[in-house]
Protein backbone atom coordinates (compact mmCIF):
# COMPACT_ATOMS: atom_id res chain seq x y z
CA MET A 1 0.00 0.00 0.00
CA ARG A 2 2.81 2.40 0.92
CA ILE A 3 4.58 1.61 -2.35
CA LYS A 4 1.42 2.37 -4.37
CA THR A 5 0.99 5.66 -2.47
CA LEU A 6 4.59 6.61 -3.16
CA MET A 7 4.23 5.83 -6.88
CA ALA A 8 1.07 7.91 -7.06
CA ALA A 9 2.85 10.82 -5.38
CA VAL A 10 5.76 10.56 -7.79
CA SER A 11 3.40 10.46 -10.78
CA LEU A 12 1.51 13.51 -9.55
CA ALA A 13 4.72 15.43 -8.89
CA LEU A 14 6.00 14.58 -12.36
CA PHE A 15 2.77 15.77 -13.95
CA PHE A 16 3.08 19.18 -12.31
CA LEU A 17 6.76 19.23 -13.19
CA ALA A 18 5.67 18.14 -16.65
CA LEU A 19 3.83 21.34 -17.25
CA PRO A 20 5.16 24.14 -19.45
CA GLN A 21 8.89 24.83 -19.26
CA ALA A 22 11.28 26.25 -21.91
CA ALA A 23 14.19 27.52 -24.08
CA HIS A 24 16.49 30.53 -24.58
CA ALA A 25 16.00 33.04 -27.37
CA GLN A 26 19.41 32.34 -28.90
CA TYR A 27 19.04 28.56 -28.64
CA ASP A 28 22.71 28.33 -27.69
CA GLY A 29 22.32 25.54 -25.12
CA LYS A 30 24.19 27.52 -22.47
CA HIS A 31 21.25 28.21 -20.17
CA ASP A 32 18.70 26.04 -18.42
CA GLY A 33 15.65 25.96 -20.67
CA ASP A 34 17.56 26.27 -23.95
CA VAL A 35 17.09 23.87 -26.83
CA GLN A 36 19.70 21.17 -26.16
CA SER A 37 19.10 18.50 -28.80
CA VAL A 38 16.96 17.25 -31.64
CA ILE A 39 15.05 13.97 -31.82
CA PHE A 40 14.01 12.44 -35.13
CA TYR A 41 10.94 10.25 -35.20
CA GLU A 42 9.14 8.42 -37.98
CA ASN A 43 9.82 9.73 -41.51
CA ASN A 44 12.59 11.97 -40.19
CA TYR A 45 10.22 14.45 -38.55
CA PRO A 46 12.20 16.48 -35.96
CA ILE A 47 11.41 17.33 -32.33
CA LEU A 48 13.30 20.04 -30.46
CA LYS A 49 14.06 19.22 -26.84
CA PHE A 50 14.18 22.13 -24.39
CA SER A 51 16.14 21.09 -21.30
CA ASN A 52 18.87 22.03 -18.82
CA ALA A 53 22.39 23.06 -19.79
CA SER A 54 24.11 20.42 -17.67
CA THR A 55 24.14 17.00 -19.35
CA LYS A 56 23.54 15.47 -15.90
CA ARG A 57 20.21 17.32 -15.73
CA GLN A 58 18.88 16.49 -19.19
CA ARG A 59 16.89 13.37 -18.38
CA CYS A 60 13.74 15.39 -19.04
CA GLY A 61 12.69 17.93 -21.60
CA LEU A 62 9.85 19.94 -23.05
CA MET A 63 9.21 18.99 -26.65
CA VAL A 64 8.07 20.84 -29.76
CA ALA A 65 7.49 18.55 -32.73
CA TYR A 66 7.27 19.22 -36.42
CA THR A 67 4.41 17.50 -38.21
CA LEU A 68 2.11 17.78 -41.21
CA MET A 69 -1.63 17.92 -40.83
CA ASP A 70 -3.99 15.90 -43.04
CA ASN A 71 -4.25 18.83 -45.45
CA GLN A 72 -0.42 18.93 -45.71
CA GLU A 73 -0.13 22.13 -43.67
CA GLU A 74 3.05 22.34 -41.61
CA ALA A 75 2.42 22.44 -37.88
CA PHE A 76 4.01 22.52 -34.46
CA GLY A 77 2.65 19.76 -32.21
CA VAL A 78 2.91 19.76 -28.41
CA LYS A 79 1.50 17.41 -25.78
CA ALA A 80 -0.84 19.47 -23.63
CA ALA A 81 -3.38 19.37 -20.84
CA HIS A 82 -6.51 21.48 -21.03
CA LEU A 83 -7.06 23.57 -17.88
CA HIS A 84 -10.42 24.10 -16.19
CA TRP A 85 -11.17 26.53 -13.40
CA SER A 86 -12.47 24.86 -10.26
CA GLY A 87 -12.06 24.45 -6.52
CA MET A 88 -11.46 26.99 -3.81
CA GLY A 89 -9.87 30.16 -5.05
CA PHE A 90 -10.87 29.16 -8.58
CA LEU A 91 -7.48 27.62 -9.25
CA PRO A 92 -7.10 25.88 -12.60
CA LYS A 93 -6.67 22.13 -12.73
CA PRO A 94 -5.63 19.85 -15.61
CA ALA A 95 -8.51 18.01 -17.27
CA GLU A 96 -8.28 16.63 -20.81
CA ASP A 97 -4.92 15.43 -22.21
CA GLY A 98 -4.16 15.60 -25.91
CA TRP A 99 -2.15 17.24 -28.67
CA LEU A 100 -2.22 20.94 -29.43
CA TYR A 101 -1.31 21.93 -32.99
CA ILE A 102 -0.35 25.39 -34.23
CA THR A 103 -0.56 25.80 -38.02
CA PRO A 104 -0.36 28.86 -40.29
CA SER A 105 -4.15 29.02 -40.48
CA ARG A 106 -5.56 27.16 -37.46
CA ILE A 107 -5.26 26.25 -33.77
CA ILE A 108 -6.29 22.64 -33.10
CA PHE A 109 -6.64 20.60 -29.91
CA ASN A 110 -7.28 16.87 -30.22
CA VAL A 111 -8.33 15.26 -26.93
CA GLU A 112 -6.87 11.79 -26.30
CA THR A 113 -7.93 11.33 -22.67
CA GLY A 114 -10.99 12.97 -21.16
CA ASP A 115 -14.05 14.76 -22.49
CA ARG A 116 -13.68 14.76 -26.29
CA SER A 117 -16.20 17.57 -26.62
CA HIS A 118 -13.34 19.85 -25.53
CA SER A 119 -11.47 19.15 -28.76
CA PHE A 120 -11.53 22.08 -31.15
CA ASP A 121 -10.31 23.23 -34.55
CA VAL A 122 -10.56 26.99 -35.02
CA PRO A 123 -9.30 29.29 -37.79
CA ARG A 124 -6.99 32.18 -36.97
CA THR A 125 -9.88 34.52 -37.74
CA ALA A 126 -11.64 33.15 -34.61
CA LEU A 127 -8.86 34.59 -32.40
CA LYS A 128 -8.84 38.06 -30.86
CA ASP A 129 -6.32 40.73 -31.86
CA LYS A 130 -4.16 39.46 -29.00
CA PRO A 131 -4.51 35.75 -29.84
CA VAL A 132 -2.47 34.26 -27.01
CA SER A 133 -1.39 35.20 -23.48
CA ARG A 134 1.71 33.80 -21.79
CA HIS A 135 1.42 33.59 -18.01
CA ASP A 136 4.26 34.05 -15.55
CA TYR A 137 6.18 30.78 -15.10
CA ARG A 138 6.32 31.38 -11.32
CA GLN A 139 2.60 30.78 -11.06
CA PRO A 140 1.47 27.29 -9.97
CA TYR A 141 0.44 26.46 -13.53
CA PRO A 142 2.65 28.19 -16.07
CA ARG A 143 0.41 28.27 -19.10
CA LEU A 144 -0.72 29.69 -22.41
CA GLU A 145 -4.22 30.98 -22.98
CA PHE A 146 -5.80 31.25 -26.41
CA ASN A 147 -8.19 34.18 -26.63
CA LEU A 148 -11.18 33.51 -28.88
CA ILE A 149 -13.78 35.98 -30.07
CA GLU A 150 -16.64 33.63 -29.19
CA LYS A 151 -17.14 30.84 -26.67
CA LEU A 152 -16.57 27.23 -27.70
CA PRO A 153 -19.57 24.96 -27.02
CA GLY A 154 -17.56 22.15 -25.34
CA SER A 155 -16.04 24.30 -22.61
CA ASN A 156 -18.50 27.22 -22.75
CA SER A 157 -15.51 29.56 -22.68
CA SER A 158 -13.74 31.94 -25.05
CA THR A 159 -10.44 31.42 -23.20
CA GLN A 160 -8.73 28.08 -23.78
CA LYS A 161 -5.96 27.40 -21.23
CA PHE A 162 -3.16 24.85 -21.59
CA VAL A 163 -0.16 23.48 -19.74
CA PHE A 164 2.48 21.30 -21.38
CA PHE A 165 4.11 17.98 -20.58
CA LEU A 166 7.71 17.53 -19.49
CA PHE A 167 8.80 14.13 -20.79
CA GLY A 168 11.23 12.14 -18.69
CA ASP A 169 11.52 9.81 -15.72
CA GLU A 170 11.47 9.88 -11.92
CA LYS A 171 14.94 11.47 -11.85
CA CYS A 172 13.74 14.59 -13.66
CA HIS A 173 15.12 18.00 -12.87
CA GLN A 174 12.76 20.91 -13.37
CA VAL A 175 13.25 22.86 -16.60
CA LYS A 176 12.67 26.61 -16.63
CA PRO A 177 9.51 27.26 -18.65
CA GLU A 178 9.67 30.86 -19.76
CA GLU A 179 11.46 30.53 -23.11
CA TYR A 180 9.46 27.45 -24.11
CA LEU A 181 6.29 29.45 -23.63
CA LYS A 182 7.82 32.34 -25.59
CA PHE A 183 8.56 29.95 -28.46
CA LEU A 184 4.93 28.79 -28.59
CA GLU A 185 3.68 32.36 -28.31
CA ARG A 186 5.87 33.36 -31.26
CA ALA A 187 4.57 30.37 -33.21
CA VAL A 188 1.05 31.77 -32.81
CA ASN A 189 2.00 35.37 -33.61
CA ASP A 190 4.54 34.68 -36.38
CA PHE A 191 4.20 31.12 -37.62
CA ASN A 192 6.37 31.45 -40.72
CA GLY A 193 9.24 33.19 -38.94
CA THR A 194 9.15 30.71 -36.07
CA MET A 195 9.06 27.72 -38.43
CA ALA A 196 12.06 29.09 -40.35
CA LYS A 197 13.98 29.46 -37.06
CA PHE A 198 12.91 25.95 -36.00
CA LYS A 199 14.36 24.46 -39.20
CA GLU A 200 17.60 26.41 -38.75
CA VAL A 201 18.01 25.08 -35.21
CA VAL A 202 17.24 21.51 -36.34
CA ALA A 203 19.90 21.72 -39.05
CA SER A 204 22.47 23.18 -36.64
CA LEU A 205 21.87 20.52 -33.98
CA LYS A 206 22.01 17.75 -36.56
CA GLN A 207 25.31 19.06 -37.93
CA SER A 208 26.82 19.27 -34.45
CA GLY A 209 25.68 15.73 -33.58
CA LYS A 210 23.28 16.78 -30.81
CA ILE A 211 20.79 14.06 -31.68
CA GLU A 212 18.92 11.99 -29.10
CA GLN A 213 16.76 8.90 -29.13
CA ALA A 214 13.36 9.02 -27.46
CA PRO A 215 10.32 6.78 -26.98
CA PRO A 216 7.37 7.14 -29.40
CA SER A 217 5.31 8.84 -26.69
CA VAL A 218 7.12 12.14 -27.27
CA ALA A 219 5.90 12.31 -30.88
CA PRO A 220 2.45 13.43 -32.01
CA PRO A 221 0.26 11.12 -34.08
CA LYS A 222 1.63 11.23 -37.62
CA ASN A 223 -0.57 12.97 -40.17
CA SER A 224 1.42 12.43 -43.35
CA LEU A 225 3.83 9.94 -44.93
CA ASN A 226 6.14 12.50 -46.52
CA SER A 227 8.38 14.91 -44.62
CA PRO A 228 9.85 17.90 -46.44
CA LEU A 229 12.58 18.06 -43.78
CA GLN A 230 14.24 14.79 -44.82
């Protein structure tokens, strides 16, 4: 019984640790939260790993994956948890788990675990002039909020809140989230510029041999058989 309790506590701690955390603007790998390596999954699609500068503290990382959607649009894919407001003090709590996609024309959330009515696929025109808000990483749930013009039926809200998973094991060290959140915010505000930078960083890491292996769980469901980044 005590062992089960301990495992549950570890899992819960890792989930909260596995929320949003990040990378440095220069992507030089010299600071905690910088992009440290690239992972290639099926069909040579790349994933950037945001982690700590010390190799001894890189057992965990926040991931941003490249993928193609069914319509062949390029996209960033990140594993995310949908936040709901509840409880005393109206603190947010994680609810549905799934994959959040940022494309040039759309913001998409596909629920894998939880209430599938909270999935959505909205065009950029459905977002307000300030489409996304990045919250202070010192808050209990560092997060991004997507600001919609109208409420979505599933959540009855025009603000869609997300936290992001830190992939790793029980020996994780926390990764600073601020730059990771900045990267995602830039992807919303300037998709083409952010994608160009993403590809530059992938090429640089590949050339310098900073390539890691990772389990399939870090990669989003594949939407196409052909990668233009091969």
